[in-house]
Amino acid sequence: MRNKQKKILELFEKSGPQLYRLLGKLTLNQDEVGDLLQELFLRLWKSKSFEKANDSFSYAYRAAINLAFEWRRNRRLSFQSIENDCEAQIDSSALGKMIAGEELQKVLDATMQLSELSRDVVVMHYIEQESYEEISKRLGKKPQYLRALNAKAIASLRELLASNENSEVDTNSVTKR
């Protein structure tokens, strides 16, 4: 028990800020990151697999990715869109940031539909800016395999985003009639 506690405390001390940033990047909601980080460490504490993991950071990193996407999925299911009746003037830079934020939300939502390994590679490579060599060390896979997997994941994301965009256009044209 003490060994597990020591392992978790060392992980938190050494990698807590990096896990915090990762959760922030994946949720896009700084208000929730502290709670999610706490949830992550509680899950690690309860996990029997964490004790056996050779690389505790890699295990926690993948658990953080899964937790963030689980949070996004639950939030999306419970979220109800609310129309803003306020007719405030929005300058173009604020509008640009809003559009970019909405696009990032769509990409992250589509990323949830990928397999766990594909999602991890996409997050590590594009969000965390890690090389395929670094990712291969963490995941225990060859860099060439990860490149191919990433290419297929990006193609899938493009298809998902295009199909979502087409369904939005169809919905908008029906509601305007």
N, C-alpha and C. Protein backbone atom coordinates (compact mmCIF):
# COMPACT_ATOMS: atom_id res chain seq x y z
N MET A 1 0.84 -1.20 0.00
CA MET A 1 0.00 0.00 0.00
C MET A 1 0.88 1.26 0.00
N ARG A 2 1.90 1.25 0.82
CA ARG A 2 2.80 2.41 0.89
C ARG A 2 3.52 2.62 -0.44
N ASN A 3 3.89 1.51 -1.10
CA ASN A 3 4.58 1.60 -2.37
C ASN A 3 3.70 2.29 -3.42
N LYS A 4 2.43 1.93 -3.45
CA LYS A 4 1.49 2.54 -4.39
C LYS A 4 1.31 4.02 -4.08
N GLN A 5 1.19 4.36 -2.82
CA GLN A 5 1.04 5.76 -2.41
C GLN A 5 2.27 6.56 -2.82
N LYS A 6 3.44 6.00 -2.61
CA LYS A 6 4.68 6.68 -2.98
C LYS A 6 4.75 6.89 -4.50
N LYS A 7 4.34 5.85 -5.25
CA LYS A 7 4.36 5.92 -6.71
C LYS A 7 3.43 7.03 -7.22
N ILE A 8 2.25 7.14 -6.63
CA ILE A 8 1.29 8.16 -7.04
C ILE A 8 1.78 9.55 -6.67
N LEU A 9 2.33 9.70 -5.47
CA LEU A 9 2.85 11.01 -5.05
C LEU A 9 4.02 11.46 -5.92
N GLU A 10 4.89 10.54 -6.27
CA GLU A 10 6.01 10.87 -7.16
C GLU A 10 5.50 11.28 -8.54
N LEU A 11 4.50 10.56 -9.03
CA LEU A 11 3.90 10.88 -10.33
C LEU A 11 3.27 12.27 -10.30
N PHE A 12 2.54 12.55 -9.24
CA PHE A 12 1.88 13.86 -9.12
C PHE A 12 2.92 14.98 -9.05
N GLU A 13 3.96 14.76 -8.28
CA GLU A 13 5.00 15.78 -8.12
C GLU A 13 5.75 16.02 -9.42
N LYS A 14 6.09 14.94 -10.09
CA LYS A 14 6.90 15.02 -11.30
C LYS A 14 6.08 15.41 -12.54
N SER A 15 4.88 14.82 -12.69
CA SER A 15 4.14 14.96 -13.94
C SER A 15 2.78 15.62 -13.79
N GLY A 16 2.42 16.06 -12.61
CA GLY A 16 1.13 16.70 -12.39
C GLY A 16 0.87 17.86 -13.33
N PRO A 17 1.83 18.80 -13.46
CA PRO A 17 1.59 19.94 -14.36
C PRO A 17 1.37 19.53 -15.82
N GLN A 18 2.11 18.52 -16.28
CA GLN A 18 1.95 18.07 -17.67
C GLN A 18 0.59 17.41 -17.86
N LEU A 19 0.14 16.62 -16.90
CA LEU A 19 -1.18 16.00 -16.99
C LEU A 19 -2.27 17.05 -16.91
N TYR A 20 -2.06 18.07 -16.10
CA TYR A 20 -3.01 19.18 -15.98
C TYR A 20 -3.17 19.89 -17.33
N ARG A 21 -2.02 20.19 -17.98
CA ARG A 21 -2.07 20.86 -19.29
C ARG A 21 -2.77 19.99 -20.33
N LEU A 22 -2.48 18.69 -20.31
CA LEU A 22 -3.12 17.78 -21.26
C LEU A 22 -4.64 17.79 -21.09
N LEU A 23 -5.10 17.69 -19.85
CA LEU A 23 -6.54 17.72 -19.60
C LEU A 23 -7.14 19.04 -20.05
N GLY A 24 -6.43 20.13 -19.84
CA GLY A 24 -6.91 21.44 -20.28
C GLY A 24 -7.03 21.54 -21.79
N LYS A 25 -6.05 20.99 -22.49
CA LYS A 25 -6.08 21.02 -23.96
C LYS A 25 -7.21 20.17 -24.52
N LEU A 26 -7.49 19.06 -23.87
CA LEU A 26 -8.51 18.14 -24.40
C LEU A 26 -9.93 18.53 -24.01
N THR A 27 -10.10 19.20 -22.88
CA THR A 27 -11.45 19.57 -22.46
C THR A 27 -11.82 20.98 -22.89
N LEU A 28 -10.83 21.83 -23.08
CA LEU A 28 -11.04 23.24 -23.41
C LEU A 28 -11.90 23.92 -22.33
N ASN A 29 -11.77 23.45 -21.11
CA ASN A 29 -12.57 23.99 -20.01
C ASN A 29 -11.71 24.02 -18.75
N GLN A 30 -11.06 25.14 -18.51
CA GLN A 30 -10.15 25.26 -17.37
C GLN A 30 -10.86 25.11 -16.04
N ASP A 31 -12.16 25.38 -15.99
CA ASP A 31 -12.90 25.26 -14.74
C ASP A 31 -12.99 23.80 -14.28
N GLU A 32 -12.92 22.87 -15.19
CA GLU A 32 -13.08 21.45 -14.87
C GLU A 32 -11.77 20.70 -14.68
N VAL A 33 -10.67 21.29 -15.09
CA VAL A 33 -9.40 20.56 -15.13
C VAL A 33 -8.95 20.09 -13.74
N GLY A 34 -9.10 20.92 -12.74
CA GLY A 34 -8.70 20.52 -11.38
C GLY A 34 -9.49 19.31 -10.90
N ASP A 35 -10.79 19.32 -11.14
CA ASP A 35 -11.62 18.18 -10.75
C ASP A 35 -11.24 16.92 -11.53
N LEU A 36 -10.95 17.09 -12.81
CA LEU A 36 -10.57 15.94 -13.62
C LEU A 36 -9.21 15.38 -13.20
N LEU A 37 -8.29 16.26 -12.84
CA LEU A 37 -6.99 15.79 -12.37
C LEU A 37 -7.15 15.00 -11.06
N GLN A 38 -7.99 15.50 -10.21
CA GLN A 38 -8.27 14.79 -8.96
C GLN A 38 -8.92 13.42 -9.26
N GLU A 39 -9.86 13.41 -10.18
CA GLU A 39 -10.50 12.15 -10.58
C GLU A 39 -9.48 11.18 -11.17
N LEU A 40 -8.54 11.70 -11.95
CA LEU A 40 -7.50 10.87 -12.54
C LEU A 40 -6.68 10.18 -11.44
N PHE A 41 -6.25 10.94 -10.45
CA PHE A 41 -5.43 10.34 -9.40
C PHE A 41 -6.23 9.39 -8.52
N LEU A 42 -7.51 9.64 -8.35
CA LEU A 42 -8.36 8.68 -7.62
C LEU A 42 -8.48 7.38 -8.39
N ARG A 43 -8.64 7.49 -9.71
CA ARG A 43 -8.73 6.28 -10.53
C ARG A 43 -7.41 5.51 -10.51
N LEU A 44 -6.30 6.23 -10.53
CA LEU A 44 -5.01 5.56 -10.46
C LEU A 44 -4.85 4.84 -9.12
N TRP A 45 -5.31 5.48 -8.06
CA TRP A 45 -5.24 4.89 -6.73
C TRP A 45 -6.04 3.58 -6.67
N LYS A 46 -7.20 3.56 -7.31
CA LYS A 46 -8.07 2.39 -7.28
C LYS A 46 -7.64 1.30 -8.28
N SER A 47 -6.82 1.66 -9.24
CA SER A 47 -6.45 0.75 -10.31
C SER A 47 -5.41 -0.28 -9.86
N LYS A 48 -5.71 -1.53 -10.12
CA LYS A 48 -4.75 -2.60 -9.85
C LYS A 48 -3.68 -2.64 -10.95
N SER A 49 -4.05 -2.24 -12.16
CA SER A 49 -3.11 -2.25 -13.28
C SER A 49 -2.03 -1.19 -13.12
N PHE A 50 -2.36 -0.08 -12.47
CA PHE A 50 -1.38 0.99 -12.28
C PHE A 50 -0.19 0.49 -11.46
N GLU A 51 -0.46 -0.32 -10.46
CA GLU A 51 0.62 -0.86 -9.62
C GLU A 51 1.60 -1.69 -10.45
N LYS A 52 1.07 -2.40 -11.43
CA LYS A 52 1.89 -3.31 -12.23
C LYS A 52 2.56 -2.60 -13.42
N ALA A 53 2.16 -1.37 -13.71
CA ALA A 53 2.67 -0.67 -14.89
C ALA A 53 4.16 -0.39 -14.74
N ASN A 54 4.91 -0.68 -15.80
CA ASN A 54 6.35 -0.39 -15.80
C ASN A 54 6.62 1.11 -15.88
N ASP A 55 5.82 1.80 -16.68
CA ASP A 55 5.98 3.23 -16.86
C ASP A 55 4.72 3.92 -16.33
N SER A 56 4.79 4.41 -15.11
CA SER A 56 3.61 4.98 -14.47
C SER A 56 3.13 6.25 -15.19
N PHE A 57 4.07 7.03 -15.76
CA PHE A 57 3.65 8.24 -16.47
C PHE A 57 2.86 7.89 -17.72
N SER A 58 3.34 6.94 -18.50
CA SER A 58 2.61 6.55 -19.72
C SER A 58 1.23 6.02 -19.38
N TYR A 59 1.14 5.25 -18.32
CA TYR A 59 -0.15 4.72 -17.89
C TYR A 59 -1.08 5.87 -17.50
N ALA A 60 -0.58 6.81 -16.72
CA ALA A 60 -1.39 7.95 -16.28
C ALA A 60 -1.76 8.85 -17.46
N TYR A 61 -0.85 9.01 -18.39
CA TYR A 61 -1.08 9.85 -19.57
C TYR A 61 -2.24 9.30 -20.39
N ARG A 62 -2.23 7.99 -20.65
CA ARG A 62 -3.31 7.37 -21.42
C ARG A 62 -4.62 7.41 -20.63
N ALA A 63 -4.52 7.24 -19.32
CA ALA A 63 -5.72 7.32 -18.48
C ALA A 63 -6.29 8.75 -18.52
N ALA A 64 -5.43 9.75 -18.57
CA ALA A 64 -5.89 11.14 -18.66
C ALA A 64 -6.59 11.40 -19.98
N ILE A 65 -6.05 10.87 -21.06
CA ILE A 65 -6.69 11.03 -22.38
C ILE A 65 -8.08 10.39 -22.34
N ASN A 66 -8.16 9.17 -21.81
CA ASN A 66 -9.45 8.48 -21.74
C ASN A 66 -10.43 9.25 -20.86
N LEU A 67 -9.97 9.78 -19.75
CA LEU A 67 -10.83 10.53 -18.84
C LEU A 67 -11.34 11.80 -19.52
N ALA A 68 -10.48 12.51 -20.23
CA ALA A 68 -10.89 13.74 -20.90
C ALA A 68 -11.95 13.46 -21.97
N PHE A 69 -11.76 12.40 -22.74
CA PHE A 69 -12.75 12.09 -23.77
C PHE A 69 -14.04 11.54 -23.17
N GLU A 70 -13.92 10.85 -22.06
CA GLU A 70 -15.13 10.41 -21.35
C GLU A 70 -15.92 11.64 -20.85
N TRP A 71 -15.20 12.63 -20.33
CA TRP A 71 -15.83 13.87 -19.87
C TRP A 71 -16.52 14.58 -21.03
N ARG A 72 -15.82 14.65 -22.18
CA ARG A 72 -16.41 15.29 -23.37
C ARG A 72 -17.68 14.56 -23.81
N ARG A 73 -17.62 13.23 -23.82
CA ARG A 73 -18.78 12.44 -24.24
C ARG A 73 -19.96 12.67 -23.30
N ASN A 74 -19.72 12.64 -22.00
CA ASN A 74 -20.79 12.87 -21.03
C ASN A 74 -21.34 14.29 -21.12
N ARG A 75 -20.46 15.23 -21.34
CA ARG A 75 -20.88 16.63 -21.45
C ARG A 75 -21.73 16.83 -22.70
N ARG A 76 -21.31 16.18 -23.78
CA ARG A 76 -22.05 16.32 -25.04
C ARG A 76 -23.45 15.70 -24.91
N LEU A 77 -23.53 14.59 -24.20
CA LEU A 77 -24.83 13.94 -24.02
C LEU A 77 -25.76 14.79 -23.16
N SER A 78 -25.21 15.47 -22.16
CA SER A 78 -26.07 16.24 -21.26
C SER A 78 -26.23 17.69 -21.69
N PHE A 79 -25.45 18.11 -22.68
CA PHE A 79 -25.49 19.51 -23.11
C PHE A 79 -26.70 19.77 -23.99
N GLN A 80 -27.42 20.82 -23.68
CA GLN A 80 -28.53 21.24 -24.53
C GLN A 80 -28.18 22.62 -25.05
N SER A 81 -28.27 22.78 -26.36
CA SER A 81 -27.90 24.07 -26.92
C SER A 81 -28.93 25.12 -26.54
N ILE A 82 -28.42 26.28 -26.19
CA ILE A 82 -29.26 27.40 -25.77
C ILE A 82 -28.98 28.56 -26.71
N GLU A 83 -30.02 29.10 -27.30
CA GLU A 83 -29.87 30.25 -28.19
C GLU A 83 -29.60 31.50 -27.38
N ASN A 84 -28.67 32.30 -27.83
CA ASN A 84 -28.36 33.55 -27.14
C ASN A 84 -29.19 34.65 -27.80
N ASP A 85 -30.13 35.25 -27.06
CA ASP A 85 -31.01 36.27 -27.59
C ASP A 85 -30.36 37.65 -27.61
N CYS A 86 -29.22 37.75 -27.01
CA CYS A 86 -28.55 39.04 -26.92
C CYS A 86 -27.99 39.42 -28.29
N GLU A 87 -28.18 40.65 -28.69
CA GLU A 87 -27.67 41.10 -29.99
C GLU A 87 -26.45 41.98 -29.79
N ALA A 88 -25.46 41.47 -29.12
CA ALA A 88 -24.25 42.23 -28.84
C ALA A 88 -23.39 42.29 -30.10
N GLN A 89 -22.64 43.37 -30.23
CA GLN A 89 -21.72 43.51 -31.35
C GLN A 89 -20.46 42.70 -31.05
N ILE A 90 -20.04 41.87 -32.02
CA ILE A 90 -18.85 41.07 -31.85
C ILE A 90 -17.84 41.52 -32.88
N ASP A 91 -16.64 41.92 -32.40
CA ASP A 91 -15.63 42.35 -33.36
C ASP A 91 -15.05 41.12 -34.04
N SER A 92 -14.41 41.33 -35.18
CA SER A 92 -13.97 40.22 -36.02
C SER A 92 -12.96 39.32 -35.31
N SER A 93 -12.11 39.86 -34.46
CA SER A 93 -11.14 39.00 -33.78
C SER A 93 -11.84 38.07 -32.79
N ALA A 94 -12.84 38.58 -32.10
CA ALA A 94 -13.60 37.74 -31.17
C ALA A 94 -14.38 36.69 -31.95
N LEU A 95 -14.94 37.09 -33.08
CA LEU A 95 -15.66 36.15 -33.92
C LEU A 95 -14.73 35.06 -34.45
N GLY A 96 -13.53 35.47 -34.87
CA GLY A 96 -12.55 34.50 -35.35
C GLY A 96 -12.16 33.50 -34.28
N LYS A 97 -11.98 33.98 -33.05
CA LYS A 97 -11.64 33.07 -31.94
C LYS A 97 -12.80 32.12 -31.65
N MET A 98 -14.02 32.63 -31.74
CA MET A 98 -15.19 31.80 -31.48
C MET A 98 -15.30 30.70 -32.53
N ILE A 99 -15.10 31.06 -33.79
CA ILE A 99 -15.18 30.08 -34.87
C ILE A 99 -14.07 29.03 -34.73
N ALA A 100 -12.86 29.49 -34.42
CA ALA A 100 -11.75 28.55 -34.23
C ALA A 100 -12.03 27.61 -33.06
N GLY A 101 -12.61 28.14 -32.00
CA GLY A 101 -12.96 27.31 -30.84
C GLY A 101 -14.02 26.28 -31.18
N GLU A 102 -15.01 26.70 -31.97
CA GLU A 102 -16.06 25.76 -32.39
C GLU A 102 -15.49 24.67 -33.29
N GLU A 103 -14.56 25.04 -34.17
CA GLU A 103 -13.94 24.06 -35.05
C GLU A 103 -13.12 23.06 -34.25
N LEU A 104 -12.39 23.55 -33.25
CA LEU A 104 -11.61 22.65 -32.40
C LEU A 104 -12.53 21.71 -31.63
N GLN A 105 -13.66 22.22 -31.17
CA GLN A 105 -14.64 21.37 -30.47
C GLN A 105 -15.09 20.24 -31.41
N LYS A 106 -15.38 20.58 -32.66
CA LYS A 106 -15.83 19.57 -33.62
C LYS A 106 -14.76 18.51 -33.87
N VAL A 107 -13.51 18.95 -33.99
CA VAL A 107 -12.42 18.00 -34.21
C VAL A 107 -12.25 17.08 -33.00
N LEU A 108 -12.29 17.65 -31.80
CA LEU A 108 -12.15 16.82 -30.59
C LEU A 108 -13.33 15.86 -30.45
N ASP A 109 -14.54 16.32 -30.78
CA ASP A 109 -15.71 15.44 -30.73
C ASP A 109 -15.57 14.29 -31.72
N ALA A 110 -15.07 14.58 -32.91
CA ALA A 110 -14.86 13.54 -33.91
C ALA A 110 -13.75 12.58 -33.47
N THR A 111 -12.75 13.09 -32.78
CA THR A 111 -11.65 12.27 -32.31
C THR A 111 -12.13 11.21 -31.33
N MET A 112 -13.22 11.49 -30.61
CA MET A 112 -13.78 10.51 -29.67
C MET A 112 -14.22 9.23 -30.39
N GLN A 113 -14.51 9.33 -31.67
CA GLN A 113 -15.03 8.18 -32.41
C GLN A 113 -13.92 7.27 -32.94
N LEU A 114 -12.66 7.67 -32.77
CA LEU A 114 -11.54 6.84 -33.21
C LEU A 114 -11.29 5.73 -32.19
N SER A 115 -10.53 4.72 -32.60
CA SER A 115 -10.13 3.68 -31.65
C SER A 115 -9.23 4.32 -30.60
N GLU A 116 -9.09 3.64 -29.47
CA GLU A 116 -8.31 4.21 -28.36
C GLU A 116 -6.86 4.47 -28.78
N LEU A 117 -6.24 3.54 -29.46
CA LEU A 117 -4.85 3.72 -29.87
C LEU A 117 -4.72 4.85 -30.88
N SER A 118 -5.61 4.91 -31.86
CA SER A 118 -5.57 5.99 -32.85
C SER A 118 -5.76 7.34 -32.18
N ARG A 119 -6.71 7.40 -31.27
CA ARG A 119 -6.96 8.65 -30.54
C ARG A 119 -5.73 9.07 -29.74
N ASP A 120 -5.08 8.13 -29.07
CA ASP A 120 -3.89 8.45 -28.30
C ASP A 120 -2.78 9.00 -29.19
N VAL A 121 -2.58 8.38 -30.35
CA VAL A 121 -1.54 8.83 -31.26
C VAL A 121 -1.85 10.23 -31.78
N VAL A 122 -3.08 10.48 -32.17
CA VAL A 122 -3.47 11.80 -32.67
C VAL A 122 -3.25 12.86 -31.58
N VAL A 123 -3.66 12.56 -30.36
CA VAL A 123 -3.50 13.52 -29.26
C VAL A 123 -2.02 13.77 -28.98
N MET A 124 -1.25 12.69 -28.87
CA MET A 124 0.17 12.86 -28.56
C MET A 124 0.92 13.60 -29.66
N HIS A 125 0.58 13.31 -30.92
CA HIS A 125 1.32 13.93 -32.03
C HIS A 125 0.87 15.37 -32.30
N TYR A 126 -0.44 15.60 -32.38
CA TYR A 126 -0.91 16.92 -32.78
C TYR A 126 -1.17 17.87 -31.61
N ILE A 127 -1.63 17.37 -30.51
CA ILE A 127 -1.93 18.26 -29.39
C ILE A 127 -0.71 18.45 -28.50
N GLU A 128 -0.02 17.35 -28.21
CA GLU A 128 1.18 17.43 -27.37
C GLU A 128 2.46 17.66 -28.16
N GLN A 129 2.37 17.64 -29.50
CA GLN A 129 3.50 17.91 -30.38
C GLN A 129 4.68 16.96 -30.14
N GLU A 130 4.40 15.68 -29.91
CA GLU A 130 5.44 14.70 -29.68
C GLU A 130 5.80 14.01 -31.00
N SER A 131 7.06 13.62 -31.12
CA SER A 131 7.50 12.91 -32.32
C SER A 131 7.01 11.46 -32.27
N TYR A 132 7.04 10.81 -33.42
CA TYR A 132 6.62 9.42 -33.46
C TYR A 132 7.58 8.53 -32.65
N GLU A 133 8.84 8.94 -32.58
CA GLU A 133 9.81 8.19 -31.78
C GLU A 133 9.45 8.27 -30.30
N GLU A 134 9.07 9.45 -29.82
CA GLU A 134 8.67 9.59 -28.42
C GLU A 134 7.40 8.79 -28.13
N ILE A 135 6.46 8.87 -29.06
CA ILE A 135 5.19 8.14 -28.89
C ILE A 135 5.46 6.63 -28.88
N SER A 136 6.36 6.18 -29.75
CA SER A 136 6.65 4.74 -29.82
C SER A 136 7.24 4.23 -28.51
N LYS A 137 8.05 5.05 -27.85
CA LYS A 137 8.62 4.65 -26.56
C LYS A 137 7.52 4.49 -25.52
N ARG A 138 6.55 5.40 -25.55
CA ARG A 138 5.46 5.34 -24.57
C ARG A 138 4.51 4.19 -24.82
N LEU A 139 4.20 3.96 -26.09
CA LEU A 139 3.17 2.97 -26.41
C LEU A 139 3.73 1.59 -26.74
N GLY A 140 5.05 1.51 -26.90
CA GLY A 140 5.64 0.21 -27.20
C GLY A 140 5.34 -0.27 -28.61
N LYS A 141 5.17 0.65 -29.54
CA LYS A 141 4.90 0.31 -30.95
C LYS A 141 5.98 0.94 -31.81
N LYS A 142 6.14 0.44 -33.02
CA LYS A 142 7.16 0.98 -33.93
C LYS A 142 6.69 2.32 -34.50
N PRO A 143 7.62 3.28 -34.67
CA PRO A 143 7.26 4.59 -35.22
C PRO A 143 6.57 4.51 -36.59
N GLN A 144 7.00 3.57 -37.43
CA GLN A 144 6.40 3.44 -38.76
C GLN A 144 4.93 3.03 -38.65
N TYR A 145 4.66 2.13 -37.74
CA TYR A 145 3.28 1.69 -37.51
C TYR A 145 2.43 2.87 -37.02
N LEU A 146 3.00 3.67 -36.13
CA LEU A 146 2.26 4.81 -35.58
C LEU A 146 1.99 5.87 -36.65
N ARG A 147 2.97 6.07 -37.56
CA ARG A 147 2.75 7.02 -38.66
C ARG A 147 1.58 6.56 -39.54
N ALA A 148 1.58 5.27 -39.88
CA ALA A 148 0.50 4.72 -40.71
C ALA A 148 -0.84 4.81 -39.99
N LEU A 149 -0.84 4.47 -38.71
CA LEU A 149 -2.06 4.55 -37.91
C LEU A 149 -2.58 5.98 -37.85
N ASN A 150 -1.66 6.93 -37.68
CA ASN A 150 -2.03 8.33 -37.63
C ASN A 150 -2.61 8.81 -38.96
N ALA A 151 -2.01 8.38 -40.06
CA ALA A 151 -2.52 8.77 -41.38
C ALA A 151 -3.95 8.26 -41.57
N LYS A 152 -4.19 7.01 -41.17
CA LYS A 152 -5.55 6.45 -41.27
C LYS A 152 -6.52 7.19 -40.35
N ALA A 153 -6.05 7.56 -39.16
CA ALA A 153 -6.90 8.28 -38.21
C ALA A 153 -7.27 9.66 -38.76
N ILE A 154 -6.32 10.33 -39.37
CA ILE A 154 -6.59 11.66 -39.94
C ILE A 154 -7.58 11.52 -41.10
N ALA A 155 -7.42 10.50 -41.92
CA ALA A 155 -8.38 10.27 -43.02
C ALA A 155 -9.78 10.02 -42.45
N SER A 156 -9.85 9.24 -41.38
CA SER A 156 -11.15 8.99 -40.74
C SER A 156 -11.75 10.27 -40.17
N LEU A 157 -10.90 11.09 -39.56
CA LEU A 157 -11.38 12.36 -39.02
C LEU A 157 -11.94 13.25 -40.12
N ARG A 158 -11.24 13.29 -41.25
CA ARG A 158 -11.71 14.10 -42.37
C ARG A 158 -13.09 13.63 -42.84
N GLU A 159 -13.25 12.31 -42.94
CA GLU A 159 -14.54 11.75 -43.35
C GLU A 159 -15.63 12.08 -42.33
N LEU A 160 -15.31 11.91 -41.05
CA LEU A 160 -16.29 12.20 -39.99
C LEU A 160 -16.70 13.67 -40.00
N LEU A 161 -15.71 14.55 -40.13
CA LEU A 161 -16.01 15.99 -40.14
C LEU A 161 -16.81 16.38 -41.37
N ALA A 162 -16.48 15.79 -42.51
CA ALA A 162 -17.23 16.08 -43.75
C ALA A 162 -18.67 15.58 -43.63
N SER A 163 -18.85 14.38 -43.10
CA SER A 163 -20.21 13.86 -42.97
C SER A 163 -21.02 14.66 -41.95
N ASN A 164 -20.36 15.10 -40.87
CA ASN A 164 -21.05 15.95 -39.88
C ASN A 164 -21.42 17.29 -40.49
N GLU A 165 -20.51 17.83 -41.32
CA GLU A 165 -20.78 19.11 -41.97
C GLU A 165 -21.94 18.99 -42.95
N ASN A 166 -21.96 17.89 -43.70
CA ASN A 166 -23.05 17.67 -44.65
C ASN A 166 -24.38 17.50 -43.95
N SER A 167 -24.38 16.80 -42.82
CA SER A 167 -25.65 16.62 -42.10
C SER A 167 -26.12 17.93 -41.49
N GLU A 168 -25.19 18.81 -41.09
CA GLU A 168 -25.58 20.13 -40.58
C GLU A 168 -26.18 20.98 -41.69
N VAL A 169 -25.61 20.90 -42.90
CA VAL A 169 -26.14 21.66 -44.03
C VAL A 169 -27.55 21.18 -44.35
N ASP A 170 -27.77 19.86 -44.37
CA ASP A 170 -29.07 19.30 -44.65
C ASP A 170 -30.09 19.74 -43.59
N THR A 171 -29.70 19.73 -42.34
CA THR A 171 -30.58 20.14 -41.24
C THR A 171 -30.93 21.61 -41.36
N ASN A 172 -29.94 22.44 -41.67
CA ASN A 172 -30.20 23.89 -41.80
C ASN A 172 -31.11 24.18 -42.98
N SER A 173 -30.94 23.48 -44.10
CA SER A 173 -31.80 23.75 -45.25
C SER A 173 -33.23 23.31 -45.00
N VAL A 174 -33.42 22.26 -44.21
CA VAL A 174 -34.78 21.80 -43.90
C VAL A 174 -35.46 22.78 -42.95
N THR A 175 -34.72 23.31 -41.96
CA THR A 175 -35.33 24.21 -40.98
C THR A 175 -35.63 25.59 -41.57
N LYS A 176 -34.93 25.97 -42.63
CA LYS A 176 -35.16 27.29 -43.24
C LYS A 176 -36.36 27.29 -44.17
N ARG A 177 -36.83 26.14 -44.58
CA ARG A 177 -37.95 26.06 -45.53
C ARG A 177 -39.26 26.40 -44.90
